[in-house]
Amino acid sequence: MLYTLRFATELRDPRDYATDTGANQADAAQLGLAKQLIDAYTQPFEVSKFKDHYEEALRELVEAKIKNLPAPAPEVEKKPPRLWI
């Protein structure tokens, strides 16, 4: 995984963008609609639907290293051709 670290001089002051965020109250009708949408689309989390591809690739790499085999070749991503108009 890659994380980008920045110097303090590269960061912008959030107060320039987030002004008066605490003073505004949500409309009761909008809040009710938001809660209704959240309830309608909320589903129980099913672990069996998810597969950890990172762990699988890492395990494959470690197995190859243990057996002194060459590292598995990464899958090449196919890109559509660029059309010059």
PDB file of N, CA and C in Angstrom:
ATOM      1  N   MET A   1       0.851  -1.177   0.000  1.00  0.00           N
ATOM      2  CA  MET A   1       0.000   0.000   0.000  1.00  0.00           C
ATOM      3  C   MET A   1       0.891   1.233   0.000  1.00  0.00           C
ATOM      4  N   LEU A   2       0.384   2.290  -0.566  1.00  0.00           N
ATOM      5  CA  LEU A   2       1.170   3.499  -0.688  1.00  0.00           C
ATOM      6  C   LEU A   2       0.468   4.643   0.018  1.00  0.00           C
ATOM      7  N   TYR A   3       1.212   5.359   0.823  1.00  0.00           N
ATOM      8  CA  TYR A   3       0.688   6.529   1.500  1.00  0.00           C
ATOM      9  C   TYR A   3       1.499   7.740   1.070  1.00  0.00           C
ATOM     10  N   THR A   4       0.848   8.851   0.846  1.00  0.00           N
ATOM     11  CA  THR A   4       1.527  10.075   0.462  1.00  0.00           C
ATOM     12  C   THR A   4       1.682  10.952   1.690  1.00  0.00           C
ATOM     13  N   LEU A   5       2.910  11.311   1.990  1.00  0.00           N
ATOM     14  CA  LEU A   5       3.175  12.201   3.105  1.00  0.00           C
ATOM     15  C   LEU A   5       3.441  13.589   2.549  1.00  0.00           C
ATOM     16  N   ARG A   6       2.965  14.590   3.220  1.00  0.00           N
ATOM     17  CA  ARG A   6       3.124  15.962   2.758  1.00  0.00           C
ATOM     18  C   ARG A   6       3.747  16.811   3.855  1.00  0.00           C
ATOM     19  N   PHE A   7       4.480  17.853   3.427  1.00  0.00           N
ATOM     20  CA  PHE A   7       5.017  18.826   4.366  1.00  0.00           C
ATOM     21  C   PHE A   7       3.887  19.744   4.813  1.00  0.00           C
ATOM     22  N   ALA A   8       4.052  20.343   5.966  1.00  0.00           N
ATOM     23  CA  ALA A   8       3.022  21.235   6.499  1.00  0.00           C
ATOM     24  C   ALA A   8       2.758  22.405   5.566  1.00  0.00           C
ATOM     25  N   THR A   9       3.770  22.851   4.847  1.00  0.00           N
ATOM     26  CA  THR A   9       3.585  23.988   3.931  1.00  0.00           C
ATOM     27  C   THR A   9       2.754  23.611   2.717  1.00  0.00           C
ATOM     28  N   GLU A  10       2.627  22.318   2.414  1.00  0.00           N
ATOM     29  CA  GLU A  10       1.837  21.869   1.267  1.00  0.00           C
ATOM     30  C   GLU A  10       0.353  21.736   1.604  1.00  0.00           C
ATOM     31  N   LEU A  11       0.021  21.716   2.884  1.00  0.00           N
ATOM     32  CA  LEU A  11      -1.367  21.535   3.298  1.00  0.00           C
ATOM     33  C   LEU A  11      -2.112  22.859   3.308  1.00  0.00           C
ATOM     34  N   ARG A  12      -3.378  22.803   2.963  1.00  0.00           N
ATOM     35  CA  ARG A  12      -4.226  23.989   3.005  1.00  0.00           C
ATOM     36  C   ARG A  12      -4.969  24.034   4.322  1.00  0.00           C
ATOM     37  N   ASP A  13      -5.307  25.221   4.736  1.00  0.00           N
ATOM     38  CA  ASP A  13      -6.033  25.401   5.991  1.00  0.00           C
ATOM     39  C   ASP A  13      -7.495  25.017   5.772  1.00  0.00           C
ATOM     40  N   PRO A  14      -8.027  24.025   6.498  1.00  0.00           N
ATOM     41  CA  PRO A  14      -9.411  23.601   6.281  1.00  0.00           C
ATOM     42  C   PRO A  14     -10.421  24.688   6.623  1.00  0.00           C
ATOM     43  N   ARG A  15     -10.060  25.655   7.438  1.00  0.00           N
ATOM     44  CA  ARG A  15     -10.996  26.726   7.781  1.00  0.00           C
ATOM     45  C   ARG A  15     -11.322  27.595   6.572  1.00  0.00           C
ATOM     46  N   ASP A  16     -10.462  27.561   5.533  1.00  0.00           N
ATOM     47  CA  ASP A  16     -10.749  28.311   4.314  1.00  0.00           C
ATOM     48  C   ASP A  16     -11.919  27.702   3.542  1.00  0.00           C
ATOM     49  N   TYR A  17     -12.181  26.411   3.753  1.00  0.00           N
ATOM     50  CA  TYR A  17     -13.204  25.710   2.986  1.00  0.00           C
ATOM     51  C   TYR A  17     -14.428  25.342   3.813  1.00  0.00           C
ATOM     52  N   ALA A  18     -14.252  25.051   5.069  1.00  0.00           N
ATOM     53  CA  ALA A  18     -15.354  24.613   5.923  1.00  0.00           C
ATOM     54  C   ALA A  18     -15.720  25.744   6.883  1.00  0.00           C
ATOM     55  N   THR A  19     -16.606  26.606   6.432  1.00  0.00           N
ATOM     56  CA  THR A  19     -17.035  27.714   7.289  1.00  0.00           C
ATOM     57  C   THR A  19     -18.485  27.501   7.699  1.00  0.00           C
ATOM     58  N   ASP A  20     -18.809  27.813   8.904  1.00  0.00           N
ATOM     59  CA  ASP A  20     -20.168  27.724   9.447  1.00  0.00           C
ATOM     60  C   ASP A  20     -20.769  26.328   9.309  1.00  0.00           C
ATOM     61  N   THR A  21     -19.999  25.302   9.519  1.00  0.00           N
ATOM     62  CA  THR A  21     -20.547  23.953   9.392  1.00  0.00           C
ATOM     63  C   THR A  21     -21.394  23.563  10.592  1.00  0.00           C
ATOM     64  N   GLY A  22     -21.137  24.103  11.743  1.00  0.00           N
ATOM     65  CA  GLY A  22     -21.890  23.733  12.932  1.00  0.00           C
ATOM     66  C   GLY A  22     -23.162  24.531  13.114  1.00  0.00           C
ATOM     67  N   ALA A  23     -23.319  25.647  12.435  1.00  0.00           N
ATOM     68  CA  ALA A  23     -24.465  26.515  12.642  1.00  0.00           C
ATOM     69  C   ALA A  23     -25.710  26.048  11.883  1.00  0.00           C
ATOM     70  N   ASN A  24     -25.546  25.276  10.826  1.00  0.00           N
ATOM     71  CA  ASN A  24     -26.685  24.859  10.003  1.00  0.00           C
ATOM     72  C   ASN A  24     -27.343  23.615  10.580  1.00  0.00           C
ATOM     73  N   GLN A  25     -28.666  23.642  10.653  1.00  0.00           N
ATOM     74  CA  GLN A  25     -29.432  22.495  11.120  1.00  0.00           C
ATOM     75  C   GLN A  25     -30.095  21.828   9.910  1.00  0.00           C
ATOM     76  N   ALA A  26     -30.163  20.511   9.933  1.00  0.00           N
ATOM     77  CA  ALA A  26     -30.795  19.778   8.844  1.00  0.00           C
ATOM     78  C   ALA A  26     -32.308  19.920   8.936  1.00  0.00           C
ATOM     79  N   ASP A  27     -32.941  20.016   7.780  1.00  0.00           N
ATOM     80  CA  ASP A  27     -34.395  20.070   7.695  1.00  0.00           C
ATOM     81  C   ASP A  27     -34.945  18.708   8.130  1.00  0.00           C
ATOM     82  N   ALA A  28     -35.998  18.693   8.921  1.00  0.00           N
ATOM     83  CA  ALA A  28     -36.547  17.436   9.451  1.00  0.00           C
ATOM     84  C   ALA A  28     -36.996  16.509   8.329  1.00  0.00           C
ATOM     85  N   ALA A  29     -37.588  17.055   7.266  1.00  0.00           N
ATOM     86  CA  ALA A  29     -38.049  16.231   6.146  1.00  0.00           C
ATOM     87  C   ALA A  29     -36.857  15.609   5.409  1.00  0.00           C
ATOM     88  N   GLN A  30     -35.806  16.384   5.192  1.00  0.00           N
ATOM     89  CA  GLN A  30     -34.626  15.868   4.515  1.00  0.00           C
ATOM     90  C   GLN A  30     -33.924  14.820   5.367  1.00  0.00           C
ATOM     91  N   LEU A  31     -33.868  15.056   6.669  1.00  0.00           N
ATOM     92  CA  LEU A  31     -33.251  14.097   7.570  1.00  0.00           C
ATOM     93  C   LEU A  31     -34.041  12.784   7.586  1.00  0.00           C
ATOM     94  N   GLY A  32     -35.361  12.880   7.591  1.00  0.00           N
ATOM     95  CA  GLY A  32     -36.205  11.682   7.551  1.00  0.00           C
ATOM     96  C   GLY A  32     -36.016  10.909   6.256  1.00  0.00           C
ATOM     97  N   LEU A  33     -35.914  11.635   5.131  1.00  0.00           N
ATOM     98  CA  LEU A  33     -35.693  10.991   3.838  1.00  0.00           C
ATOM     99  C   LEU A  33     -34.333  10.302   3.800  1.00  0.00           C
ATOM    100  N   ALA A  34     -33.313  10.954   4.346  1.00  0.00           N
ATOM    101  CA  ALA A  34     -31.973  10.364   4.387  1.00  0.00           C
ATOM    102  C   ALA A  34     -31.975   9.083   5.209  1.00  0.00           C
ATOM    103  N   LYS A  35     -32.645   9.105   6.359  1.00  0.00           N
ATOM    104  CA  LYS A  35     -32.719   7.902   7.202  1.00  0.00           C
ATOM    105  C   LYS A  35     -33.473   6.788   6.500  1.00  0.00           C
ATOM    106  N   GLN A  36     -34.524   7.146   5.768  1.00  0.00           N
ATOM    107  CA  GLN A  36     -35.305   6.158   5.030  1.00  0.00           C
ATOM    108  C   GLN A  36     -34.451   5.504   3.938  1.00  0.00           C
ATOM    109  N   LEU A  37     -33.656   6.300   3.226  1.00  0.00           N
ATOM    110  CA  LEU A  37     -32.783   5.757   2.188  1.00  0.00           C
ATOM    111  C   LEU A  37     -31.724   4.838   2.779  1.00  0.00           C
ATOM    112  N   ILE A  38     -31.152   5.244   3.900  1.00  0.00           N
ATOM    113  CA  ILE A  38     -30.138   4.416   4.552  1.00  0.00           C
ATOM    114  C   ILE A  38     -30.733   3.093   4.996  1.00  0.00           C
ATOM    115  N   ASP A  39     -31.921   3.127   5.587  1.00  0.00           N
ATOM    116  CA  ASP A  39     -32.576   1.897   6.033  1.00  0.00           C
ATOM    117  C   ASP A  39     -32.933   0.995   4.851  1.00  0.00           C
ATOM    118  N   ALA A  40     -33.343   1.589   3.722  1.00  0.00           N
ATOM    119  CA  ALA A  40     -33.740   0.799   2.559  1.00  0.00           C
ATOM    120  C   ALA A  40     -32.548   0.084   1.923  1.00  0.00           C
ATOM    121  N   TYR A  41     -31.368   0.692   1.961  1.00  0.00           N
ATOM    122  CA  TYR A  41     -30.210   0.108   1.295  1.00  0.00           C
ATOM    123  C   TYR A  41     -29.232  -0.573   2.254  1.00  0.00           C
ATOM    124  N   THR A  42     -29.564  -0.649   3.520  1.00  0.00           N
ATOM    125  CA  THR A  42     -28.698  -1.311   4.484  1.00  0.00           C
ATOM    126  C   THR A  42     -28.932  -2.811   4.423  1.00  0.00           C
ATOM    127  N   GLN A  43     -27.833  -3.560   4.332  1.00  0.00           N
ATOM    128  CA  GLN A  43     -27.902  -5.013   4.285  1.00  0.00           C
ATOM    129  C   GLN A  43     -26.894  -5.575   5.268  1.00  0.00           C
ATOM    130  N   PRO A  44     -27.144  -6.769   5.769  1.00  0.00           N
ATOM    131  CA  PRO A  44     -26.154  -7.377   6.662  1.00  0.00           C
ATOM    132  C   PRO A  44     -24.874  -7.700   5.886  1.00  0.00           C
ATOM    133  N   PHE A  45     -23.751  -7.550   6.560  1.00  0.00           N
ATOM    134  CA  PHE A  45     -22.452  -7.804   5.939  1.00  0.00           C
ATOM    135  C   PHE A  45     -22.221  -9.299   5.842  1.00  0.00           C
ATOM    136  N   GLU A  46     -21.936  -9.782   4.623  1.00  0.00           N
ATOM    137  CA  GLU A  46     -21.668 -11.205   4.397  1.00  0.00           C
ATOM    138  C   GLU A  46     -20.214 -11.372   3.985  1.00  0.00           C
ATOM    139  N   VAL A  47     -19.429 -11.942   4.869  1.00  0.00           N
ATOM    140  CA  VAL A  47     -18.004 -12.108   4.624  1.00  0.00           C
ATOM    141  C   VAL A  47     -17.755 -13.045   3.442  1.00  0.00           C
ATOM    142  N   SER A  48     -18.621 -14.004   3.233  1.00  0.00           N
ATOM    143  CA  SER A  48     -18.407 -14.991   2.176  1.00  0.00           C
ATOM    144  C   SER A  48     -18.445 -14.380   0.776  1.00  0.00           C
ATOM    145  N   LYS A  49     -19.026 -13.181   0.620  1.00  0.00           N
ATOM    146  CA  LYS A  49     -19.103 -12.532  -0.691  1.00  0.00           C
ATOM    147  C   LYS A  49     -17.795 -11.843  -1.081  1.00  0.00           C
ATOM    148  N   PHE A  50     -16.890 -11.669  -0.132  1.00  0.00           N
ATOM    149  CA  PHE A  50     -15.666 -10.924  -0.386  1.00  0.00           C
ATOM    150  C   PHE A  50     -14.469 -11.858  -0.417  1.00  0.00           C
ATOM    151  N   LYS A  51     -13.525 -11.545  -1.307  1.00  0.00           N
ATOM    152  CA  LYS A  51     -12.319 -12.344  -1.443  1.00  0.00           C
ATOM    153  C   LYS A  51     -11.113 -11.412  -1.344  1.00  0.00           C
ATOM    154  N   ASP A  52     -10.144 -11.792  -0.544  1.00  0.00           N
ATOM    155  CA  ASP A  52      -8.958 -10.978  -0.342  1.00  0.00           C
ATOM    156  C   ASP A  52      -7.933 -11.309  -1.420  1.00  0.00           C
ATOM    157  N   HIS A  53      -7.933 -10.541  -2.510  1.00  0.00           N
ATOM    158  CA  HIS A  53      -7.016 -10.796  -3.614  1.00  0.00           C
ATOM    159  C   HIS A  53      -5.576 -10.449  -3.245  1.00  0.00           C
ATOM    160  N   TYR A  54      -5.402  -9.492  -2.372  1.00  0.00           N
ATOM    161  CA  TYR A  54      -4.050  -9.102  -1.950  1.00  0.00           C
ATOM    162  C   TYR A  54      -3.369 -10.251  -1.215  1.00  0.00           C
ATOM    163  N   GLU A  55      -4.072 -10.843  -0.276  1.00  0.00           N
ATOM    164  CA  GLU A  55      -3.487 -11.951   0.482  1.00  0.00           C
ATOM    165  C   GLU A  55      -3.197 -13.127  -0.439  1.00  0.00           C
ATOM    166  N   GLU A  56      -4.098 -13.381  -1.378  1.00  0.00           N
ATOM    167  CA  GLU A  56      -3.911 -14.481  -2.310  1.00  0.00           C
ATOM    168  C   GLU A  56      -2.655 -14.276  -3.175  1.00  0.00           C
ATOM    169  N   ALA A  57      -2.443 -13.067  -3.682  1.00  0.00           N
ATOM    170  CA  ALA A  57      -1.274 -12.771  -4.502  1.00  0.00           C
ATOM    171  C   ALA A  57       0.002 -12.842  -3.673  1.00  0.00           C
ATOM    172  N   LEU A  58      -0.054 -12.356  -2.447  1.00  0.00           N
ATOM    173  CA  LEU A  58       1.112 -12.400  -1.565  1.00  0.00           C
ATOM    174  C   LEU A  58       1.468 -13.840  -1.222  1.00  0.00           C
ATOM    175  N   ARG A  59       0.459 -14.640  -0.951  1.00  0.00           N
ATOM    176  CA  ARG A  59       0.704 -16.049  -0.621  1.00  0.00           C
ATOM    177  C   ARG A  59       1.340 -16.764  -1.824  1.00  0.00           C
ATOM    178  N   GLU A  60       0.867 -16.461  -3.032  1.00  0.00           N
ATOM    179  CA  GLU A  60       1.417 -17.055  -4.243  1.00  0.00           C
ATOM    180  C   GLU A  60       2.890 -16.651  -4.429  1.00  0.00           C
ATOM    181  N   LEU A  61       3.207 -15.409  -4.155  1.00  0.00           N
ATOM    182  CA  LEU A  61       4.581 -14.924  -4.253  1.00  0.00           C
ATOM    183  C   LEU A  61       5.489 -15.611  -3.228  1.00  0.00           C
ATOM    184  N   VAL A  62       5.025 -15.746  -2.000  1.00  0.00           N
ATOM    185  CA  VAL A  62       5.814 -16.401  -0.952  1.00  0.00           C
ATOM    186  C   VAL A  62       6.034 -17.869  -1.289  1.00  0.00           C
ATOM    187  N   GLU A  63       5.001 -18.546  -1.783  1.00  0.00           N
ATOM    188  CA  GLU A  63       5.133 -19.958  -2.165  1.00  0.00           C
ATOM    189  C   GLU A  63       6.180 -20.115  -3.263  1.00  0.00           C
ATOM    190  N   ALA A  64       6.188 -19.210  -4.235  1.00  0.00           N
ATOM    191  CA  ALA A  64       7.170 -19.275  -5.321  1.00  0.00           C
ATOM    192  C   ALA A  64       8.577 -19.052  -4.786  1.00  0.00           C
ATOM    193  N   LYS A  65       8.735 -18.125  -3.843  1.00  0.00           N
ATOM    194  CA  LYS A  65      10.053 -17.856  -3.259  1.00  0.00           C
ATOM    195  C   LYS A  65      10.552 -19.063  -2.462  1.00  0.00           C
ATOM    196  N   ILE A  66       9.653 -19.720  -1.738  1.00  0.00           N
ATOM    197  CA  ILE A  66      10.040 -20.886  -0.935  1.00  0.00           C
ATOM    198  C   ILE A  66      10.533 -22.011  -1.839  1.00  0.00           C
ATOM    199  N   LYS A  67       9.879 -22.208  -2.992  1.00  0.00           N
ATOM    200  CA  LYS A  67      10.225 -23.294  -3.914  1.00  0.00           C
ATOM    201  C   LYS A  67      11.287 -22.880  -4.930  1.00  0.00           C
ATOM    202  N   ASN A  68      11.874 -21.680  -4.761  1.00  0.00           N
ATOM    203  CA  ASN A  68      12.889 -21.150  -5.680  1.00  0.00           C
ATOM    204  C   ASN A  68      12.394 -21.084  -7.120  1.00  0.00           C
ATOM    205  N   LEU A  69      11.145 -20.740  -7.291  1.00  0.00           N
ATOM    206  CA  LEU A  69      10.563 -20.552  -8.622  1.00  0.00           C
ATOM    207  C   LEU A  69      10.563 -19.068  -8.941  1.00  0.00           C
ATOM    208  N   PRO A  70      10.498 -18.728 -10.229  1.00  0.00           N
ATOM    209  CA  PRO A  70      10.410 -17.303 -10.560  1.00  0.00           C
ATOM    210  C   PRO A  70       9.081 -16.732 -10.060  1.00  0.00           C
ATOM    211  N   ALA A  71       9.104 -15.461  -9.760  1.00  0.00           N
ATOM    212  CA  ALA A  71       7.884 -14.804  -9.268  1.00  0.00           C
ATOM    213  C   ALA A  71       6.803 -14.861 -10.337  1.00  0.00           C
ATOM    214  N   PRO A  72       5.568 -15.054  -9.932  1.00  0.00           N
ATOM    215  CA  PRO A  72       4.479 -15.081 -10.906  1.00  0.00           C
ATOM    216  C   PRO A  72       4.395 -13.747 -11.653  1.00  0.00           C
ATOM    217  N   ALA A  73       4.141 -13.829 -12.934  1.00  0.00           N
ATOM    218  CA  ALA A  73       4.047 -12.612 -13.748  1.00  0.00           C
ATOM    219  C   ALA A  73       2.758 -11.874 -13.411  1.00  0.00           C
ATOM    220  N   PRO A  74       2.834 -10.566 -13.251  1.00  0.00           N
ATOM    221  CA  PRO A  74       1.609  -9.802 -12.962  1.00  0.00           C
ATOM    222  C   PRO A  74       0.682  -9.794 -14.180  1.00  0.00           C
ATOM    223  N   GLU A  75      -0.593  -9.723 -13.904  1.00  0.00           N
ATOM    224  CA  GLU A  75      -1.565  -9.682 -14.993  1.00  0.00           C
ATOM    225  C   GLU A  75      -1.460  -8.337 -15.692  1.00  0.00           C
ATOM    226  N   VAL A  76      -1.401  -8.381 -17.017  1.00  0.00           N
ATOM    227  CA  VAL A  76      -1.278  -7.160 -17.794  1.00  0.00           C
ATOM    228  C   VAL A  76      -2.672  -6.584 -18.021  1.00  0.00           C
ATOM    229  N   GLU A  77      -2.815  -5.331 -17.676  1.00  0.00           N
ATOM    230  CA  GLU A  77      -4.103  -4.661 -17.836  1.00  0.00           C
ATOM    231  C   GLU A  77      -4.250  -4.209 -19.285  1.00  0.00           C
ATOM    232  N   LYS A  78      -5.319  -4.623 -19.918  1.00  0.00           N
ATOM    233  CA  LYS A  78      -5.560  -4.230 -21.300  1.00  0.00           C
ATOM    234  C   LYS A  78      -6.185  -2.857 -21.336  1.00  0.00           C
ATOM    235  N   LYS A  79      -5.553  -1.974 -22.106  1.00  0.00           N
ATOM    236  CA  LYS A  79      -6.059  -0.622 -22.236  1.00  0.00           C
ATOM    237  C   LYS A  79      -6.627  -0.445 -23.636  1.00  0.00           C
ATOM    238  N   PRO A  80      -7.725   0.292 -23.748  1.00  0.00           N
ATOM    239  CA  PRO A  80      -8.266   0.525 -25.091  1.00  0.00           C
ATOM    240  C   PRO A  80      -7.308   1.424 -25.882  1.00  0.00           C
ATOM    241  N   PRO A  81      -7.249   1.228 -27.200  1.00  0.00           N
ATOM    242  CA  PRO A  81      -6.345   2.056 -27.999  1.00  0.00           C
ATOM    243  C   PRO A  81      -6.781   3.503 -28.008  1.00  0.00           C
ATOM    244  N   ARG A  82      -5.799   4.405 -28.056  1.00  0.00           N
ATOM    245  CA  ARG A  82      -6.100   5.822 -28.133  1.00  0.00           C
ATOM    246  C   ARG A  82      -6.437   6.179 -29.561  1.00  0.00           C
ATOM    247  N   LEU A  83      -7.499   6.871 -29.733  1.00  0.00           N
ATOM    248  CA  LEU A  83      -7.914   7.296 -31.066  1.00  0.00           C
ATOM    249  C   LEU A  83      -7.566   8.760 -31.249  1.00  0.00           C
ATOM    250  N   TRP A  84      -6.822   9.049 -32.255  1.00  0.00           N
ATOM    251  CA  TRP A  84      -6.444  10.432 -32.553  1.00  0.00           C
ATOM    252  C   TRP A  84      -7.401  10.983 -33.602  1.00  0.00           C
ATOM    253  N   ILE A  85      -8.068  12.004 -33.227  1.00  0.00           N
ATOM    254  CA  ILE A  85      -9.040  12.617 -34.153  1.00  0.00           C
ATOM    255  C   ILE A  85      -8.547  13.960 -34.597  1.00  0.00           C
TER     256      ILE A  85
END
